[in-house]
Amino acid sequence: MSYVPLSGLSLRDIEYVVAVDDLRNFSRAAERCGVSQAGLSEQVRKLEQLLDVTLFERSRRHVAPTPDGERLLALGREVLAAARNLLEVARAQTGPMEGALRLGVIPTLGPYYIPGVLPRLREHYPALSLRLRESMTDTLVRALRNNELDVALMALPAPSEALESAPIFEEAFLAVFPNTHELAQKPELSLSQLGRPDLLLLEDGHCLRDQALSICPTVPREGEQRLATSLEMLWYMIGAGEGFSLIPQLALRNRADFEDLITVRTLPEAEARRTIGLTWRASDPRAPVFREFAAYLRSITPEHCHARN
């Protein structure tokens, strides 16, 4: 085999082809990498020439790795992971809570939790620069495993053995009804009363949907479920009188505009709650620092939530 100098191979080029493989689209891959589509396509072509391999089968509507491409892309991911690990080890020796921290957060938490903690994080970690990303749990888990995120705030337990987590706080679910709903004025309310056809849920992919399904003893059949695309839309559907739902405690903040439309009821059962925690790759050498970070977040647990050790 002839010698091929490594000077022709760059980590950036590997990032480009991995992005194309992830997104199966050159335009979206270029957007994620912050380059023009023409520039990304040219670098992918040059890498294929260097490797003497066609990495992708291309057509106007279809991009997919070739069999050789699949094998090399798997190695490319390992190279990127090793390079990022090198940087992480270096950062762990020189102030790991300084510089950029890529933090993911689930959509049913981010808008209601992050605004309250950002000022305190800026004060406590003045050299830290957060890079926030909001996505559903499965997407955050994938991003963590691919080393595209450092840590993520999500409901526990994290759905992967490759991840490690530290609990931060426990958040109750409250039942939210239209004012005219027959359950809104019941003297006592229990989970057994909530398995009704008018229970509103979030679309598949939201962890809040799975939590509601696990809490309620019976739920509408899949074809009969009424679904919301977001927690905000769920509020609007309840206010419009379409049905009721379970809403996490923090999302009840600043809802004065709904006061004449809804009734909020607490639930006595202990299982009507979720645990929010900080999650990272189990292999990350910064794990002790992330545990300290979680401990600080635990120390500033929001009002009406309960810190969890």
Protein backbone atom coordinates (compact mmCIF):
# COMPACT_ATOMS: atom_id res chain seq x y z
CA MET A 1 0.00 0.00 0.00
CA SER A 2 1.36 3.42 -0.96
CA TYR A 3 1.99 5.96 1.78
CA VAL A 4 -0.70 8.65 2.14
CA PRO A 5 0.37 11.68 4.19
CA LEU A 6 -2.02 12.70 6.95
CA SER A 7 -1.54 16.34 6.02
CA GLY A 8 -4.25 15.89 3.40
CA LEU A 9 -6.81 14.71 5.95
CA SER A 10 -8.53 17.21 8.26
CA LEU A 11 -10.94 16.74 11.15
CA ARG A 12 -13.16 19.37 9.58
CA ASP A 13 -13.55 17.26 6.44
CA ILE A 14 -14.54 14.29 8.60
CA GLU A 15 -17.09 16.49 10.37
CA TYR A 16 -18.56 17.41 6.99
CA VAL A 17 -19.08 13.82 5.84
CA VAL A 18 -20.49 12.78 9.24
CA ALA A 19 -22.96 15.67 9.04
CA VAL A 20 -24.03 14.53 5.56
CA ASP A 21 -24.48 11.00 6.89
CA ASP A 22 -26.51 12.24 9.88
CA LEU A 23 -28.82 14.46 7.86
CA ARG A 24 -28.75 12.68 4.48
CA ASN A 25 -28.88 16.10 2.87
CA PHE A 26 -25.98 18.28 1.68
CA SER A 27 -27.83 21.56 2.20
CA ARG A 28 -28.78 20.84 5.83
CA ALA A 29 -25.31 19.44 6.52
CA ALA A 30 -23.74 22.66 5.22
CA GLU A 31 -26.06 24.71 7.43
CA ARG A 32 -25.12 22.67 10.50
CA CYS A 33 -21.41 23.04 9.73
CA GLY A 34 -21.68 26.76 9.05
CA VAL A 35 -20.40 26.63 5.46
CA SER A 36 -21.89 27.03 2.01
CA GLN A 37 -23.33 23.96 0.31
CA ALA A 38 -20.88 24.38 -2.56
CA GLY A 39 -17.94 24.54 -0.13
CA LEU A 40 -19.05 21.45 1.76
CA SER A 41 -19.68 19.49 -1.44
CA GLU A 42 -16.23 20.38 -2.74
CA GLN A 43 -14.52 19.26 0.49
CA VAL A 44 -16.46 15.98 0.48
CA ARG A 45 -15.37 15.41 -3.13
CA LYS A 46 -11.73 16.13 -2.23
CA LEU A 47 -11.91 13.72 0.71
CA GLU A 48 -13.32 11.01 -1.55
CA GLN A 49 -10.41 11.61 -3.95
CA LEU A 50 -7.91 11.40 -1.09
CA LEU A 51 -9.43 8.15 0.19
CA ASP A 52 -10.05 6.83 -3.31
CA VAL A 53 -13.55 5.84 -2.20
CA THR A 54 -17.04 7.06 -3.08
CA LEU A 55 -18.59 7.76 0.31
CA PHE A 56 -22.11 8.65 -0.79
CA GLU A 57 -24.58 7.60 -3.43
CA ARG A 58 -26.13 10.84 -4.64
CA SER A 59 -29.24 11.79 -6.57
CA ARG A 60 -31.53 14.83 -6.53
CA ARG A 61 -33.79 13.24 -3.92
CA HIS A 62 -31.53 10.73 -2.27
CA VAL A 63 -28.24 10.76 -0.35
CA ALA A 64 -27.03 7.56 1.32
CA PRO A 65 -23.63 6.09 2.21
CA THR A 66 -22.18 3.41 -0.01
CA PRO A 67 -21.12 0.12 1.68
CA ASP A 68 -17.49 1.37 1.72
CA GLY A 69 -18.75 4.73 2.94
CA GLU A 70 -20.58 3.15 5.88
CA ARG A 71 -17.39 1.46 7.09
CA LEU A 72 -15.28 4.60 6.73
CA LEU A 73 -17.90 6.86 8.28
CA ALA A 74 -17.97 4.61 11.36
CA LEU A 75 -14.19 5.05 11.65
CA GLY A 76 -14.59 8.79 11.06
CA ARG A 77 -16.97 9.03 14.02
CA GLU A 78 -14.39 7.28 16.18
CA VAL A 79 -11.72 9.75 15.04
CA LEU A 80 -13.94 12.72 15.92
CA ALA A 81 -14.81 11.22 19.30
CA ALA A 82 -11.11 10.69 20.08
CA ALA A 83 -10.28 14.26 19.02
CA ARG A 84 -13.06 15.70 21.18
CA ASN A 85 -11.97 13.52 24.09
CA LEU A 86 -8.44 14.95 23.73
CA LEU A 87 -9.87 18.46 24.04
CA GLU A 88 -12.04 17.48 26.99
CA VAL A 89 -9.11 15.99 28.89
CA ALA A 90 -7.13 19.17 28.26
CA ARG A 91 -10.03 21.32 29.42
CA ALA A 92 -10.43 19.19 32.54
CA GLN A 93 -6.88 20.14 33.51
CA THR A 94 -7.29 23.86 32.88
CA GLY A 95 -10.62 25.03 34.22
CA PRO A 96 -13.36 22.72 32.88
CA MET A 97 -16.20 25.14 33.68
CA GLU A 98 -14.61 27.80 31.54
CA GLY A 99 -15.22 28.40 27.87
CA ALA A 100 -18.06 26.85 25.87
CA LEU A 101 -20.40 24.27 27.39
CA ARG A 102 -22.88 22.67 24.99
CA LEU A 103 -26.06 22.23 27.03
CA GLY A 104 -29.16 20.47 25.73
CA VAL A 105 -32.61 20.79 27.29
CA ILE A 106 -35.99 19.17 26.61
CA PRO A 107 -38.74 21.47 25.25
CA THR A 108 -41.11 20.90 28.19
CA LEU A 109 -38.46 22.25 30.57
CA GLY A 110 -36.27 24.77 28.76
CA PRO A 111 -38.59 27.81 28.41
CA TYR A 112 -39.78 27.52 32.02
CA TYR A 113 -36.50 26.66 33.77
CA ILE A 114 -33.61 28.21 31.86
CA PRO A 115 -34.69 31.90 32.21
CA GLY A 116 -34.69 31.58 36.00
CA VAL A 117 -31.23 30.01 36.30
CA LEU A 118 -29.32 31.88 33.57
CA PRO A 119 -28.54 35.01 35.66
CA ARG A 120 -27.27 32.90 38.55
CA LEU A 121 -25.15 30.75 36.24
CA ARG A 122 -23.61 33.87 34.70
CA GLU A 123 -22.75 35.11 38.19
CA HIS A 124 -21.47 31.79 39.57
CA TYR A 125 -19.53 30.77 36.42
CA PRO A 126 -18.40 34.08 34.88
CA ALA A 127 -15.98 32.36 32.47
CA LEU A 128 -18.58 29.88 31.22
CA SER A 129 -20.21 30.37 27.82
CA LEU A 130 -23.35 28.28 27.36
CA ARG A 131 -24.33 26.94 23.95
CA LEU A 132 -27.99 25.99 24.35
CA ARG A 133 -29.87 23.45 22.24
CA GLU A 134 -33.52 22.47 22.72
CA SER A 135 -34.58 19.05 21.41
CA MET A 136 -36.64 16.03 22.37
CA THR A 137 -35.07 13.40 24.57
CA ASP A 138 -34.12 10.93 21.82
CA THR A 139 -32.37 13.68 19.85
CA LEU A 140 -30.47 14.88 22.93
CA VAL A 141 -29.37 11.33 23.76
CA ARG A 142 -28.09 10.88 20.21
CA ALA A 143 -26.26 14.21 20.36
CA LEU A 144 -24.64 13.27 23.67
CA ARG A 145 -23.52 9.90 22.38
CA ASN A 146 -22.12 11.50 19.21
CA ASN A 147 -20.25 14.10 21.29
CA GLU A 148 -22.30 16.95 19.83
CA LEU A 149 -23.41 17.99 23.34
CA ASP A 150 -21.53 18.03 26.63
CA VAL A 151 -24.49 17.76 29.02
CA ALA A 152 -28.28 17.78 28.84
CA LEU A 153 -31.14 18.57 31.18
CA MET A 154 -33.83 15.92 30.84
CA ALA A 155 -36.27 13.77 32.77
CA LEU A 156 -34.64 10.77 34.45
CA PRO A 157 -33.83 7.99 34.02
CA ALA A 158 -31.82 8.68 30.86
CA PRO A 159 -32.66 6.04 28.22
CA SER A 160 -29.11 4.85 27.56
CA GLU A 161 -26.51 2.82 29.45
CA ALA A 162 -23.78 4.92 27.79
CA LEU A 163 -24.90 7.95 29.81
CA GLU A 164 -24.52 8.99 33.43
CA SER A 165 -26.90 11.30 35.29
CA ALA A 166 -27.21 13.27 38.50
CA PRO A 167 -30.69 14.23 39.78
CA ILE A 168 -31.36 17.92 40.37
CA PHE A 169 -34.97 18.41 41.39
CA GLU A 170 -38.39 16.79 41.45
CA GLU A 171 -41.27 18.53 39.73
CA ALA A 172 -44.94 17.76 40.38
CA PHE A 173 -47.56 17.31 37.68
CA LEU A 174 -50.76 19.27 38.10
CA ALA A 175 -54.09 18.50 36.47
CA VAL A 176 -55.29 21.45 34.39
CA PHE A 177 -58.94 21.60 33.32
CA PRO A 178 -61.19 24.01 31.47
CA ASN A 179 -63.27 25.83 34.10
CA THR A 180 -66.42 24.10 32.87
CA HIS A 181 -64.98 20.57 33.10
CA GLU A 182 -66.86 18.18 35.39
CA LEU A 183 -63.65 17.18 37.23
CA ALA A 184 -62.57 20.78 37.87
CA GLN A 185 -64.81 21.18 40.93
CA LYS A 186 -64.56 17.69 42.40
CA PRO A 187 -63.79 17.90 46.14
CA GLU A 188 -61.11 15.23 45.75
CA LEU A 189 -59.16 14.20 42.67
CA SER A 190 -57.12 11.05 42.02
CA LEU A 191 -55.20 9.57 39.12
CA SER A 192 -57.86 6.90 38.69
CA GLN A 193 -60.29 9.61 37.52
CA LEU A 194 -58.03 10.86 34.73
CA GLY A 195 -58.21 7.95 32.28
CA ARG A 196 -60.80 9.65 30.11
CA PRO A 197 -61.24 10.18 26.35
CA ASP A 198 -60.74 13.95 26.74
CA LEU A 199 -57.21 13.59 28.16
CA LEU A 200 -54.97 15.69 25.89
CA LEU A 201 -51.44 14.51 25.13
CA LEU A 202 -48.34 15.79 23.36
CA GLU A 203 -47.29 14.22 20.08
CA ASP A 204 -45.12 11.12 20.05
CA GLY A 205 -41.48 11.89 20.85
CA HIS A 206 -42.12 14.18 23.81
CA CYS A 207 -41.08 12.60 27.10
CA LEU A 208 -43.98 14.44 28.78
CA ARG A 209 -46.35 12.32 26.69
CA ASP A 210 -44.73 9.11 27.97
CA GLN A 211 -44.87 10.41 31.54
CA ALA A 212 -48.58 11.22 31.28
CA LEU A 213 -49.27 7.79 29.80
CA SER A 214 -47.39 6.11 32.66
CA ILE A 215 -49.30 8.09 35.29
CA CYS A 216 -52.85 7.68 34.03
CA PRO A 217 -54.30 4.17 34.51
CA THR A 218 -56.23 4.19 31.23
CA VAL A 219 -55.89 6.47 28.23
CA PRO A 220 -57.72 6.98 24.94
CA ARG A 221 -56.90 4.47 22.22
CA GLU A 222 -54.16 5.62 19.86
CA GLY A 223 -56.47 6.57 17.00
CA GLU A 224 -58.74 8.55 19.35
CA GLN A 225 -56.07 10.57 21.16
CA ARG A 226 -56.10 14.34 20.73
CA LEU A 227 -52.53 15.55 20.41
CA ALA A 228 -50.72 18.87 20.77
CA THR A 229 -47.48 19.73 18.99
CA SER A 230 -46.05 21.60 22.00
CA LEU A 231 -46.71 22.38 25.63
CA GLU A 232 -47.83 25.89 24.66
CA MET A 233 -50.41 24.47 22.21
CA LEU A 234 -51.57 22.11 24.96
CA TRP A 235 -52.38 25.18 27.07
CA TYR A 236 -54.39 26.72 24.23
CA MET A 237 -56.35 23.51 23.69
CA ILE A 238 -57.24 23.33 27.40
CA GLY A 239 -58.20 27.02 27.45
CA ALA A 240 -60.41 26.43 24.40
CA GLY A 241 -62.26 23.71 26.30
CA GLU A 242 -61.08 20.75 24.19
CA GLY A 243 -60.06 18.67 27.19
CA PHE A 244 -57.65 18.51 30.13
CA SER A 245 -54.05 17.43 30.68
CA LEU A 246 -51.18 17.01 33.12
CA ILE A 247 -48.82 19.99 33.17
CA PRO A 248 -45.42 20.14 34.96
CA GLN A 249 -45.21 22.62 37.84
CA LEU A 250 -42.75 25.06 36.26
CA ALA A 251 -44.92 25.52 33.18
CA LEU A 252 -47.65 27.09 35.33
CA ARG A 253 -45.66 30.27 35.84
CA ASN A 254 -46.95 33.52 34.35
CA ARG A 255 -50.30 32.12 33.22
CA ALA A 256 -52.49 35.02 34.42
CA ASP A 257 -54.03 35.28 30.94
CA PHE A 258 -55.57 31.82 31.45
CA GLU A 259 -57.02 32.42 34.92
CA ASP A 260 -60.59 32.89 33.66
CA LEU A 261 -60.39 29.82 31.43
CA ILE A 262 -58.75 27.06 33.48
CA THR A 263 -58.73 25.39 36.87
CA VAL A 264 -55.52 23.88 38.28
CA ARG A 265 -55.73 20.94 40.70
CA THR A 266 -53.00 19.16 42.65
CA LEU A 267 -52.75 15.38 42.63
CA PRO A 268 -52.13 13.52 45.90
CA GLU A 269 -50.34 10.49 44.45
CA ALA A 270 -46.54 10.37 44.82
CA GLU A 271 -46.07 9.09 41.26
CA ALA A 272 -47.55 12.27 39.77
CA ARG A 273 -44.15 13.90 39.39
CA ARG A 274 -40.95 13.71 37.37
CA THR A 275 -37.25 13.97 38.26
CA ILE A 276 -35.13 16.38 36.25
CA GLY A 277 -31.40 15.70 36.09
CA LEU A 278 -28.16 16.54 34.34
CA THR A 279 -26.93 13.85 31.94
CA TRP A 280 -23.56 13.33 30.20
CA ARG A 281 -21.54 10.58 28.55
CA ALA A 282 -20.35 8.01 31.07
CA SER A 283 -16.92 8.07 29.39
CA ASP A 284 -16.47 11.84 29.73
CA PRO A 285 -13.43 12.64 31.92
CA ARG A 286 -15.21 15.76 33.18
CA ALA A 287 -17.78 13.66 35.08
CA PRO A 288 -16.65 14.95 38.53
CA VAL A 289 -17.05 18.52 37.33
CA PHE A 290 -20.49 17.80 35.89
CA ARG A 291 -21.54 16.33 39.23
CA GLU A 292 -20.44 19.56 40.89
CA PHE A 293 -22.37 21.51 38.27
CA ALA A 294 -25.47 19.42 39.02
CA ALA A 295 -24.96 20.06 42.75
CA TYR A 296 -24.94 23.81 42.10
CA LEU A 297 -28.13 23.56 40.03
CA ARG A 298 -29.63 21.53 42.87
CA SER A 299 -28.77 24.32 45.31
CA ILE A 300 -30.84 26.78 43.26
CA THR A 301 -33.85 24.51 42.78
CA PRO A 302 -36.86 26.56 41.60
CA GLU A 303 -39.65 27.46 43.97
CA HIS A 304 -42.36 24.77 44.36
CA CYS A 305 -39.94 22.05 43.23
CA HIS A 306 -37.95 19.76 45.53
CA ALA A 307 -34.18 19.20 45.36
CA ARG A 308 -33.15 15.59 44.72
CA ASN A 309 -29.82 14.09 45.82
